[in-house]
Amino acid sequence: MWRPWGKSTARIHHNRSSSHSSSFSCSSFKDIQNLCLEESPQQPLPSPRIPTVFHRVRLANSLIRTWSTSLQQPHKLPRSFSQPITEPSPELQSEPKSSPPKPKSPQPEPKSEPLRNDTHAPPEATPIPSLPPPIYFPGTEQRVVIYFTSLRVVRSIFEDCKSTLAILRAFRVQLDERDVSMDSSFLYELHRIMGRTGLTLPRVFIDGKYIGGGEDIRSMHEIGELKKLLESLPIVDRTECHVCAGHRFVLCNVCNGSRKVYNDKAGFKVCIACNENGLLRCPSCFPHDFDVNNEIKN
């Protein structure tokens, strides 16, 4: 079972065995320590392979062959950049080389227009619409004419007329108030002057020129433009009229508001001097209209 004592072939390291022999007390483990201390022989590293002479010659020949073929063949340009090479005609080849060719005069190259980028181009200027011509009301110079209504059928229209009248009455100018609810001829007159129907009230004319509606008068009054327009008009006394008490209408003095006139030859006829309500404009407030009515009566 155990190896014979005298036939051990293990190498004994005298230097190490003397230092470590005291750590083992049993003589049967003497060879185990020496076996553990033995180092395995190191194998030499494989040396890099040196190429042979034949391999070097073959590699050099292949490099020279590749280099010579690349010099012989010129690099091909793309089709868009390459230009066709025209061979010289045989007549030019037969000429002597001593006579140089005559230089040709350079031709001016056509200038190409720059491309327009529509995405970043500024938008084309749209034509400015022309303003409508101003509207004039002849025969109403040196005063303010307002078309309004005193009926409260539509609340917004009534409030606009009321506020516009309050603004204009605050200035000491001649104010011609034309209530379309009291005389329907005023509405037809407004349509004829403006040239269209379907107009909202109020409508204001200053010194014979059309200014606008209630919103226009309020905005002009806030910025002070209305006062500048009315400064050119003559100043009048704005006391209450003693004839109509500020109503601007009186009963017709021909039919007394009945809208009928009796004639001995034809009997009863419709009065043509007053409006559909049997009213006339106040002669004290509007003396021009009173003169017209007198002509009609005669």
C-alpha atoms as a PDB file:
ATOM      1  CA  MET A   1       0.000   0.000   0.000  1.00  0.00           C
ATOM      2  CA  TRP A   2       2.736   2.534   0.846  1.00  0.00           C
ATOM      3  CA  ARG A   3       5.734   3.084  -1.376  1.00  0.00           C
ATOM      4  CA  PRO A   4       9.027   1.622  -0.078  1.00  0.00           C
ATOM      5  CA  TRP A   5      11.090   4.122   1.922  1.00  0.00           C
ATOM      6  CA  GLY A   6      14.422   3.548   0.299  1.00  0.00           C
ATOM      7  CA  LYS A   7      13.173   3.601  -3.358  1.00  0.00           C
ATOM      8  CA  SER A   8      11.708   7.132  -3.514  1.00  0.00           C
ATOM      9  CA  THR A   9      12.682   8.948  -6.723  1.00  0.00           C
ATOM     10  CA  ALA A  10      11.471  12.434  -5.719  1.00  0.00           C
ATOM     11  CA  ARG A  11      14.032  15.240  -5.792  1.00  0.00           C
ATOM     12  CA  ILE A  12      14.771  16.678  -2.412  1.00  0.00           C
ATOM     13  CA  HIS A  13      15.370  20.398  -2.113  1.00  0.00           C
ATOM     14  CA  HIS A  14      17.808  20.746   0.727  1.00  0.00           C
ATOM     15  CA  ASN A  15      17.210  24.421   1.329  1.00  0.00           C
ATOM     16  CA  ARG A  16      13.481  24.181   1.642  1.00  0.00           C
ATOM     17  CA  SER A  17      13.331  20.823   3.385  1.00  0.00           C
ATOM     18  CA  SER A  18      15.495  22.056   6.205  1.00  0.00           C
ATOM     19  CA  SER A  19      13.205  25.022   6.878  1.00  0.00           C
ATOM     20  CA  HIS A  20       9.970  23.079   6.749  1.00  0.00           C
ATOM     21  CA  SER A  21      11.004  19.723   8.269  1.00  0.00           C
ATOM     22  CA  SER A  22      10.175  20.912  11.716  1.00  0.00           C
ATOM     23  CA  SER A  23       6.514  21.472  10.806  1.00  0.00           C
ATOM     24  CA  PHE A  24       5.908  17.731  10.283  1.00  0.00           C
ATOM     25  CA  SER A  25       6.251  15.357  13.177  1.00  0.00           C
ATOM     26  CA  CYS A  26       5.363  12.181  11.287  1.00  0.00           C
ATOM     27  CA  SER A  27       8.068  10.640   9.062  1.00  0.00           C
ATOM     28  CA  SER A  28       5.488   9.032   6.695  1.00  0.00           C
ATOM     29  CA  PHE A  29       4.560  12.464   5.223  1.00  0.00           C
ATOM     30  CA  LYS A  30       8.136  13.454   4.373  1.00  0.00           C
ATOM     31  CA  ASP A  31       7.799  12.973   0.616  1.00  0.00           C
ATOM     32  CA  ILE A  32       4.392  14.698   0.363  1.00  0.00           C
ATOM     33  CA  GLN A  33       5.925  18.067   1.244  1.00  0.00           C
ATOM     34  CA  ASN A  34       8.599  17.699  -1.417  1.00  0.00           C
ATOM     35  CA  LEU A  35       6.019  16.715  -4.041  1.00  0.00           C
ATOM     36  CA  CYS A  36       3.897  19.778  -3.289  1.00  0.00           C
ATOM     37  CA  LEU A  37       6.896  22.087  -3.623  1.00  0.00           C
ATOM     38  CA  GLU A  38       7.877  20.814  -7.048  1.00  0.00           C
ATOM     39  CA  GLU A  39       6.934  23.304  -9.772  1.00  0.00           C
ATOM     40  CA  SER A  40       5.694  22.238 -13.142  1.00  0.00           C
ATOM     41  CA  PRO A  41       8.073  23.113 -15.978  1.00  0.00           C
ATOM     42  CA  GLN A  42       7.077  26.278 -17.881  1.00  0.00           C
ATOM     43  CA  GLN A  43       6.313  25.803 -21.523  1.00  0.00           C
ATOM     44  CA  PRO A  44       8.030  28.303 -23.887  1.00  0.00           C
ATOM     45  CA  LEU A  45       5.728  30.804 -25.650  1.00  0.00           C
ATOM     46  CA  PRO A  46       5.122  30.192 -29.348  1.00  0.00           C
ATOM     47  CA  SER A  47       7.327  32.479 -31.379  1.00  0.00           C
ATOM     48  CA  PRO A  48       5.626  34.643 -34.095  1.00  0.00           C
ATOM     49  CA  ARG A  49       5.606  33.086 -37.517  1.00  0.00           C
ATOM     50  CA  ILE A  50       8.180  34.632 -39.825  1.00  0.00           C
ATOM     51  CA  PRO A  51       6.904  34.898 -43.428  1.00  0.00           C
ATOM     52  CA  THR A  52       8.961  33.011 -45.938  1.00  0.00           C
ATOM     53  CA  VAL A  53      10.799  34.611 -48.869  1.00  0.00           C
ATOM     54  CA  PHE A  54       8.264  33.234 -51.358  1.00  0.00           C
ATOM     55  CA  HIS A  55       5.383  34.821 -49.520  1.00  0.00           C
ATOM     56  CA  ARG A  56       7.137  38.215 -49.508  1.00  0.00           C
ATOM     57  CA  VAL A  57       7.838  38.112 -53.250  1.00  0.00           C
ATOM     58  CA  ARG A  58       4.233  37.218 -54.074  1.00  0.00           C
ATOM     59  CA  LEU A  59       2.871  40.069 -51.933  1.00  0.00           C
ATOM     60  CA  ALA A  60       5.247  42.601 -53.579  1.00  0.00           C
ATOM     61  CA  ASN A  61       4.226  41.499 -57.113  1.00  0.00           C
ATOM     62  CA  SER A  62       0.529  41.887 -56.334  1.00  0.00           C
ATOM     63  CA  LEU A  63       1.054  45.413 -54.965  1.00  0.00           C
ATOM     64  CA  ILE A  64       3.059  46.507 -58.041  1.00  0.00           C
ATOM     65  CA  ARG A  65       0.427  45.066 -60.419  1.00  0.00           C
ATOM     66  CA  THR A  66      -2.411  46.917 -58.619  1.00  0.00           C
ATOM     67  CA  TRP A  67      -0.499  50.208 -58.602  1.00  0.00           C
ATOM     68  CA  SER A  68       0.333  50.019 -62.361  1.00  0.00           C
ATOM     69  CA  THR A  69      -3.293  49.312 -63.392  1.00  0.00           C
ATOM     70  CA  SER A  70      -4.616  52.217 -61.292  1.00  0.00           C
ATOM     71  CA  LEU A  71      -2.231  54.654 -63.064  1.00  0.00           C
ATOM     72  CA  GLN A  72      -3.196  53.524 -66.545  1.00  0.00           C
ATOM     73  CA  GLN A  73      -6.985  53.875 -66.100  1.00  0.00           C
ATOM     74  CA  PRO A  74      -8.132  57.544 -65.416  1.00  0.00           C
ATOM     75  CA  HIS A  75     -10.841  58.152 -62.876  1.00  0.00           C
ATOM     76  CA  LYS A  76     -14.284  58.316 -64.457  1.00  0.00           C
ATOM     77  CA  LEU A  77     -16.247  61.464 -63.719  1.00  0.00           C
ATOM     78  CA  PRO A  78     -20.037  61.446 -63.374  1.00  0.00           C
ATOM     79  CA  ARG A  79     -22.030  61.918 -66.521  1.00  0.00           C
ATOM     80  CA  SER A  80     -23.270  65.383 -65.445  1.00  0.00           C
ATOM     81  CA  PHE A  81     -19.661  66.689 -65.047  1.00  0.00           C
ATOM     82  CA  SER A  82     -17.927  64.889 -67.890  1.00  0.00           C
ATOM     83  CA  GLN A  83     -17.614  66.566 -71.302  1.00  0.00           C
ATOM     84  CA  PRO A  84     -17.268  64.715 -74.593  1.00  0.00           C
ATOM     85  CA  ILE A  85     -13.743  64.805 -75.976  1.00  0.00           C
ATOM     86  CA  THR A  86     -13.819  65.504 -79.674  1.00  0.00           C
ATOM     87  CA  GLU A  87     -10.956  64.199 -81.734  1.00  0.00           C
ATOM     88  CA  PRO A  88      -9.226  66.729 -84.013  1.00  0.00           C
ATOM     89  CA  SER A  89     -10.049  66.500 -87.674  1.00  0.00           C
ATOM     90  CA  PRO A  90      -7.373  65.152 -90.087  1.00  0.00           C
ATOM     91  CA  GLU A  91      -7.070  68.601 -91.692  1.00  0.00           C
ATOM     92  CA  LEU A  92      -5.954  70.115 -88.392  1.00  0.00           C
ATOM     93  CA  GLN A  93      -3.498  67.221 -87.872  1.00  0.00           C
ATOM     94  CA  SER A  94      -1.905  67.822 -91.273  1.00  0.00           C
ATOM     95  CA  GLU A  95      -1.207  71.526 -90.540  1.00  0.00           C
ATOM     96  CA  PRO A  96       2.265  72.420 -89.323  1.00  0.00           C
ATOM     97  CA  LYS A  97       2.658  72.755 -85.617  1.00  0.00           C
ATOM     98  CA  SER A  98       4.483  76.063 -85.967  1.00  0.00           C
ATOM     99  CA  SER A  99       1.285  78.041 -86.764  1.00  0.00           C
ATOM    100  CA  PRO A 100      -0.686  78.355 -83.545  1.00  0.00           C
ATOM    101  CA  PRO A 101      -4.487  78.407 -83.831  1.00  0.00           C
ATOM    102  CA  LYS A 102      -6.180  81.794 -83.752  1.00  0.00           C
ATOM    103  CA  PRO A 103      -7.772  82.563 -80.418  1.00  0.00           C
ATOM    104  CA  LYS A 104     -11.510  82.816 -80.548  1.00  0.00           C
ATOM    105  CA  SER A 105     -13.242  85.803 -79.041  1.00  0.00           C
ATOM    106  CA  PRO A 106     -15.005  84.838 -75.828  1.00  0.00           C
ATOM    107  CA  GLN A 107     -18.760  84.796 -76.148  1.00  0.00           C
ATOM    108  CA  PRO A 108     -20.768  86.207 -73.279  1.00  0.00           C
ATOM    109  CA  GLU A 109     -22.507  83.504 -71.357  1.00  0.00           C
ATOM    110  CA  PRO A 110     -26.258  83.918 -70.976  1.00  0.00           C
ATOM    111  CA  LYS A 111     -27.166  85.037 -67.523  1.00  0.00           C
ATOM    112  CA  SER A 112     -29.445  82.634 -65.818  1.00  0.00           C
ATOM    113  CA  GLU A 113     -32.180  84.098 -63.667  1.00  0.00           C
ATOM    114  CA  PRO A 114     -32.048  83.057 -60.025  1.00  0.00           C
ATOM    115  CA  LEU A 115     -34.593  80.524 -59.029  1.00  0.00           C
ATOM    116  CA  ARG A 116     -37.412  81.889 -56.960  1.00  0.00           C
ATOM    117  CA  ASN A 117     -38.331  80.177 -53.780  1.00  0.00           C
ATOM    118  CA  ASP A 118     -42.079  80.479 -53.600  1.00  0.00           C
ATOM    119  CA  THR A 119     -42.163  79.244 -50.025  1.00  0.00           C
ATOM    120  CA  HIS A 120     -40.165  82.206 -48.701  1.00  0.00           C
ATOM    121  CA  ALA A 121     -41.290  84.798 -51.252  1.00  0.00           C
ATOM    122  CA  PRO A 122     -43.252  87.724 -49.791  1.00  0.00           C
ATOM    123  CA  PRO A 123     -46.961  87.646 -50.564  1.00  0.00           C
ATOM    124  CA  GLU A 124     -48.134  89.811 -53.396  1.00  0.00           C
ATOM    125  CA  ALA A 125     -49.589  93.103 -52.288  1.00  0.00           C
ATOM    126  CA  THR A 126     -53.350  93.058 -52.555  1.00  0.00           C
ATOM    127  CA  PRO A 127     -54.873  96.136 -54.137  1.00  0.00           C
ATOM    128  CA  ILE A 128     -56.348  98.520 -51.581  1.00  0.00           C
ATOM    129  CA  PRO A 129     -60.092  98.803 -52.119  1.00  0.00           C
ATOM    130  CA  SER A 130     -61.133 102.270 -53.135  1.00  0.00           C
ATOM    131  CA  LEU A 131     -63.248 104.175 -50.646  1.00  0.00           C
ATOM    132  CA  PRO A 132     -66.840 104.898 -51.668  1.00  0.00           C
ATOM    133  CA  PRO A 133     -67.484 108.458 -52.784  1.00  0.00           C
ATOM    134  CA  PRO A 134     -68.894 110.784 -50.117  1.00  0.00           C
ATOM    135  CA  ILE A 135     -72.648 111.319 -50.036  1.00  0.00           C
ATOM    136  CA  TYR A 136     -73.977 114.880 -50.052  1.00  0.00           C
ATOM    137  CA  PHE A 137     -77.461 116.180 -49.249  1.00  0.00           C
ATOM    138  CA  PRO A 138     -77.928 119.457 -51.138  1.00  0.00           C
ATOM    139  CA  GLY A 139     -79.929 122.171 -49.431  1.00  0.00           C
ATOM    140  CA  THR A 140     -78.917 121.183 -45.887  1.00  0.00           C
ATOM    141  CA  GLU A 141     -75.754 123.252 -45.515  1.00  0.00           C
ATOM    142  CA  GLN A 142     -74.954 125.110 -42.293  1.00  0.00           C
ATOM    143  CA  ARG A 143     -76.960 122.665 -40.167  1.00  0.00           C
ATOM    144  CA  VAL A 144     -77.182 119.107 -38.860  1.00  0.00           C
ATOM    145  CA  VAL A 145     -79.823 116.720 -40.230  1.00  0.00           C
ATOM    146  CA  ILE A 146     -80.700 113.541 -38.344  1.00  0.00           C
ATOM    147  CA  TYR A 147     -83.120 110.800 -39.425  1.00  0.00           C
ATOM    148  CA  PHE A 148     -84.433 108.885 -36.410  1.00  0.00           C
ATOM    149  CA  THR A 149     -87.538 107.256 -34.960  1.00  0.00           C
ATOM    150  CA  SER A 150     -89.430 107.893 -31.732  1.00  0.00           C
ATOM    151  CA  LEU A 151     -91.222 104.529 -31.710  1.00  0.00           C
ATOM    152  CA  ARG A 152     -90.039 101.921 -29.205  1.00  0.00           C
ATOM    153  CA  VAL A 153     -90.711  98.931 -31.432  1.00  0.00           C
ATOM    154  CA  VAL A 154     -87.057  97.842 -31.589  1.00  0.00           C
ATOM    155  CA  ARG A 155     -85.312  98.682 -28.348  1.00  0.00           C
ATOM    156  CA  SER A 156     -81.741  98.798 -29.722  1.00  0.00           C
ATOM    157  CA  ILE A 157     -82.716 101.207 -32.531  1.00  0.00           C
ATOM    158  CA  PHE A 158     -84.662 103.420 -30.129  1.00  0.00           C
ATOM    159  CA  GLU A 159     -81.709 103.577 -27.688  1.00  0.00           C
ATOM    160  CA  ASP A 160     -79.302 104.499 -30.516  1.00  0.00           C
ATOM    161  CA  CYS A 161     -81.593 107.282 -31.720  1.00  0.00           C
ATOM    162  CA  LYS A 162     -82.090 108.602 -28.206  1.00  0.00           C
ATOM    163  CA  SER A 163     -78.355 108.693 -27.380  1.00  0.00           C
ATOM    164  CA  THR A 164     -77.468 110.301 -30.728  1.00  0.00           C
ATOM    165  CA  LEU A 165     -80.083 113.006 -30.271  1.00  0.00           C
ATOM    166  CA  ALA A 166     -78.810 113.736 -26.761  1.00  0.00           C
ATOM    167  CA  ILE A 167     -75.251 114.187 -28.088  1.00  0.00           C
ATOM    168  CA  LEU A 168     -76.268 116.512 -30.930  1.00  0.00           C
ATOM    169  CA  ARG A 169     -78.647 118.586 -28.781  1.00  0.00           C
ATOM    170  CA  ALA A 170     -75.766 119.403 -26.448  1.00  0.00           C
ATOM    171  CA  PHE A 171     -74.172 121.566 -29.160  1.00  0.00           C
ATOM    172  CA  ARG A 172     -75.540 124.991 -30.019  1.00  0.00           C
ATOM    173  CA  VAL A 173     -76.110 124.338 -33.709  1.00  0.00           C
ATOM    174  CA  GLN A 174     -79.205 124.187 -35.896  1.00  0.00           C
ATOM    175  CA  LEU A 175     -80.549 120.648 -35.651  1.00  0.00           C
ATOM    176  CA  ASP A 176     -83.030 119.382 -38.254  1.00  0.00           C
ATOM    177  CA  GLU A 177     -84.816 116.443 -36.606  1.00  0.00           C
ATOM    178  CA  ARG A 178     -86.678 114.202 -39.065  1.00  0.00           C
ATOM    179  CA  ASP A 179     -88.763 111.579 -37.319  1.00  0.00           C
ATOM    180  CA  VAL A 180     -89.714 108.826 -39.786  1.00  0.00           C
ATOM    181  CA  SER A 181     -92.431 107.536 -37.441  1.00  0.00           C
ATOM    182  CA  MET A 182     -94.253 110.888 -37.651  1.00  0.00           C
ATOM    183  CA  ASP A 183     -93.775 111.341 -41.415  1.00  0.00           C
ATOM    184  CA  SER A 184     -93.089 108.378 -43.703  1.00  0.00           C
ATOM    185  CA  SER A 185     -91.861 110.683 -46.480  1.00  0.00           C
ATOM    186  CA  PHE A 186     -88.649 111.164 -44.525  1.00  0.00           C
ATOM    187  CA  LEU A 187     -87.849 107.455 -44.902  1.00  0.00           C
ATOM    188  CA  TYR A 188     -88.365 107.571 -48.690  1.00  0.00           C
ATOM    189  CA  GLU A 189     -86.238 110.696 -48.791  1.00  0.00           C
ATOM    190  CA  LEU A 190     -83.405 108.911 -46.931  1.00  0.00           C
ATOM    191  CA  HIS A 191     -83.533 105.937 -49.303  1.00  0.00           C
ATOM    192  CA  ARG A 192     -83.325 108.272 -52.279  1.00  0.00           C
ATOM    193  CA  ILE A 193     -80.301 110.112 -50.881  1.00  0.00           C
ATOM    194  CA  MET A 194     -78.399 106.976 -49.848  1.00  0.00           C
ATOM    195  CA  GLY A 195     -79.310 105.059 -53.000  1.00  0.00           C
ATOM    196  CA  ARG A 196     -80.355 101.894 -51.151  1.00  0.00           C
ATOM    197  CA  THR A 197     -82.930 100.513 -48.766  1.00  0.00           C
ATOM    198  CA  GLY A 198     -82.764  98.499 -45.556  1.00  0.00           C
ATOM    199  CA  LEU A 199     -80.928 101.193 -43.615  1.00  0.00           C
ATOM    200  CA  THR A 200     -80.888 101.264 -39.831  1.00  0.00           C
ATOM    201  CA  LEU A 201     -81.479 104.413 -37.858  1.00  0.00           C
ATOM    202  CA  PRO A 202     -80.214 106.953 -36.959  1.00  0.00           C
ATOM    203  CA  ARG A 203     -78.470 108.598 -39.931  1.00  0.00           C
ATOM    204  CA  VAL A 204     -76.656 111.927 -39.561  1.00  0.00           C
ATOM    205  CA  PHE A 205     -75.652 114.603 -42.101  1.00  0.00           C
ATOM    206  CA  ILE A 206     -73.424 117.513 -41.055  1.00  0.00           C
ATOM    207  CA  ASP A 207     -73.126 120.560 -43.321  1.00  0.00           C
ATOM    208  CA  GLY A 208     -74.708 118.597 -46.171  1.00  0.00           C
ATOM    209  CA  LYS A 209     -72.255 115.652 -45.918  1.00  0.00           C
ATOM    210  CA  TYR A 210     -73.168 112.173 -44.729  1.00  0.00           C
ATOM    211  CA  ILE A 211     -71.311 111.238 -41.505  1.00  0.00           C
ATOM    212  CA  GLY A 212     -72.719 107.890 -40.369  1.00  0.00           C
ATOM    213  CA  GLY A 213     -74.931 106.192 -37.831  1.00  0.00           C
ATOM    214  CA  GLY A 214     -75.219 106.223 -34.075  1.00  0.00           C
ATOM    215  CA  GLU A 215     -72.016 104.244 -33.437  1.00  0.00           C
ATOM    216  CA  ASP A 216     -70.025 106.620 -35.647  1.00  0.00           C
ATOM    217  CA  ILE A 217     -71.355 109.685 -33.833  1.00  0.00           C
ATOM    218  CA  ARG A 218     -70.540 108.233 -30.401  1.00  0.00           C
ATOM    219  CA  SER A 219     -66.983 107.295 -31.368  1.00  0.00           C
ATOM    220  CA  MET A 220     -66.355 110.701 -32.948  1.00  0.00           C
ATOM    221  CA  HIS A 221     -67.724 112.419 -29.872  1.00  0.00           C
ATOM    222  CA  GLU A 222     -65.405 110.423 -27.578  1.00  0.00           C
ATOM    223  CA  ILE A 223     -62.234 111.341 -29.503  1.00  0.00           C
ATOM    224  CA  GLY A 224     -63.271 114.972 -30.091  1.00  0.00           C
ATOM    225  CA  GLU A 225     -63.745 114.813 -33.876  1.00  0.00           C
ATOM    226  CA  LEU A 226     -67.445 115.679 -33.692  1.00  0.00           C
ATOM    227  CA  LYS A 227     -66.729 118.962 -31.923  1.00  0.00           C
ATOM    228  CA  LYS A 228     -64.256 119.960 -34.640  1.00  0.00           C
ATOM    229  CA  LEU A 229     -66.865 119.345 -37.356  1.00  0.00           C
ATOM    230  CA  LEU A 230     -69.554 121.347 -35.569  1.00  0.00           C
ATOM    231  CA  GLU A 231     -67.299 124.341 -34.853  1.00  0.00           C
ATOM    232  CA  SER A 232     -67.638 125.482 -38.474  1.00  0.00           C
ATOM    233  CA  LEU A 233     -71.471 125.716 -38.184  1.00  0.00           C
ATOM    234  CA  PRO A 234     -73.219 128.901 -37.005  1.00  0.00           C
ATOM    235  CA  ILE A 235     -74.269 129.108 -33.349  1.00  0.00           C
ATOM    236  CA  VAL A 236     -78.035 129.281 -32.657  1.00  0.00           C
ATOM    237  CA  ASP A 237     -80.196 129.615 -29.566  1.00  0.00           C
ATOM    238  CA  ARG A 238     -81.381 126.181 -28.414  1.00  0.00           C
ATOM    239  CA  THR A 239     -84.366 127.347 -26.353  1.00  0.00           C
ATOM    240  CA  GLU A 240     -87.641 125.400 -26.522  1.00  0.00           C
ATOM    241  CA  CYS A 241     -89.982 126.382 -29.335  1.00  0.00           C
ATOM    242  CA  HIS A 242     -93.122 128.219 -28.139  1.00  0.00           C
ATOM    243  CA  VAL A 243     -95.177 126.939 -31.094  1.00  0.00           C
ATOM    244  CA  CYS A 244     -94.650 123.174 -31.033  1.00  0.00           C
ATOM    245  CA  ALA A 245     -93.211 122.843 -27.506  1.00  0.00           C
ATOM    246  CA  GLY A 246     -90.306 120.868 -28.881  1.00  0.00           C
ATOM    247  CA  HIS A 247     -92.389 118.292 -30.803  1.00  0.00           C
ATOM    248  CA  ARG A 248     -91.342 119.741 -34.192  1.00  0.00           C
ATOM    249  CA  PHE A 249     -94.873 119.125 -35.623  1.00  0.00           C
ATOM    250  CA  VAL A 250     -98.189 120.996 -35.523  1.00  0.00           C
ATOM    251  CA  LEU A 251    -101.697 120.275 -36.806  1.00  0.00           C
ATOM    252  CA  CYS A 252    -102.351 121.037 -40.448  1.00  0.00           C
ATOM    253  CA  ASN A 253    -103.955 124.465 -40.807  1.00  0.00           C
ATOM    254  CA  VAL A 254    -105.760 123.349 -44.005  1.00  0.00           C
ATOM    255  CA  CYS A 255    -107.600 120.214 -42.861  1.00  0.00           C
ATOM    256  CA  ASN A 256    -107.062 120.615 -39.087  1.00  0.00           C
ATOM    257  CA  GLY A 257    -105.623 117.093 -38.961  1.00  0.00           C
ATOM    258  CA  SER A 258    -108.648 115.372 -40.635  1.00  0.00           C
ATOM    259  CA  ARG A 259    -106.797 114.670 -43.901  1.00  0.00           C
ATOM    260  CA  LYS A 260    -109.931 115.797 -45.826  1.00  0.00           C
ATOM    261  CA  VAL A 261    -110.763 119.050 -47.629  1.00  0.00           C
ATOM    262  CA  TYR A 262    -114.268 119.996 -48.896  1.00  0.00           C
ATOM    263  CA  ASN A 263    -114.721 121.584 -52.316  1.00  0.00           C
ATOM    264  CA  ASP A 264    -118.075 122.811 -53.731  1.00  0.00           C
ATOM    265  CA  LYS A 265    -117.401 121.336 -57.167  1.00  0.00           C
ATOM    266  CA  ALA A 266    -115.733 118.000 -56.278  1.00  0.00           C
ATOM    267  CA  GLY A 267    -116.806 117.495 -52.689  1.00  0.00           C
ATOM    268  CA  PHE A 268    -114.311 116.026 -50.187  1.00  0.00           C
ATOM    269  CA  LYS A 269    -110.742 115.516 -51.249  1.00  0.00           C
ATOM    270  CA  VAL A 270    -107.623 114.263 -49.539  1.00  0.00           C
ATOM    271  CA  CYS A 271    -105.502 117.059 -48.117  1.00  0.00           C
ATOM    272  CA  ILE A 272    -102.187 117.260 -49.893  1.00  0.00           C
ATOM    273  CA  ALA A 273    -100.630 119.837 -47.550  1.00  0.00           C
ATOM    274  CA  CYS A 274    -100.022 117.517 -44.581  1.00  0.00           C
ATOM    275  CA  ASN A 275     -98.635 114.055 -44.076  1.00  0.00           C
ATOM    276  CA  GLU A 276    -100.522 110.813 -43.447  1.00  0.00           C
ATOM    277  CA  ASN A 277    -101.047 111.803 -39.806  1.00  0.00           C
ATOM    278  CA  GLY A 278    -102.504 115.246 -40.581  1.00  0.00           C
ATOM    279  CA  LEU A 279     -99.391 117.026 -39.284  1.00  0.00           C
ATOM    280  CA  LEU A 280     -97.077 119.710 -40.564  1.00  0.00           C
ATOM    281  CA  ARG A 281     -93.576 120.585 -39.540  1.00  0.00           C
ATOM    282  CA  CYS A 282     -93.346 123.448 -37.097  1.00  0.00           C
ATOM    283  CA  PRO A 283     -93.115 126.771 -38.990  1.00  0.00           C
ATOM    284  CA  SER A 284     -91.085 128.286 -36.170  1.00  0.00           C
ATOM    285  CA  CYS A 285     -88.481 125.524 -36.162  1.00  0.00           C
ATOM    286  CA  PHE A 286     -88.414 125.026 -39.960  1.00  0.00           C
ATOM    287  CA  PRO A 287     -89.448 128.229 -41.702  1.00  0.00           C
ATOM    288  CA  HIS A 288     -88.382 126.907 -45.105  1.00  0.00           C
ATOM    289  CA  ASP A 289     -90.914 124.072 -44.986  1.00  0.00           C
ATOM    290  CA  PHE A 290     -93.646 126.502 -43.893  1.00  0.00           C
ATOM    291  CA  ASP A 291     -93.063 128.624 -46.983  1.00  0.00           C
ATOM    292  CA  VAL A 292     -93.419 125.540 -49.185  1.00  0.00           C
ATOM    293  CA  ASN A 293     -96.733 124.638 -47.522  1.00  0.00           C
ATOM    294  CA  ASN A 294     -98.102 128.116 -48.127  1.00  0.00           C
ATOM    295  CA  GLU A 295     -97.314 127.782 -51.826  1.00  0.00           C
ATOM    296  CA  ILE A 296     -99.162 124.453 -51.925  1.00  0.00           C
ATOM    297  CA  LYS A 297    -102.176 125.991 -50.109  1.00  0.00           C
ATOM    298  CA  ASN A 298    -102.450 128.868 -52.570  1.00  0.00           C
END
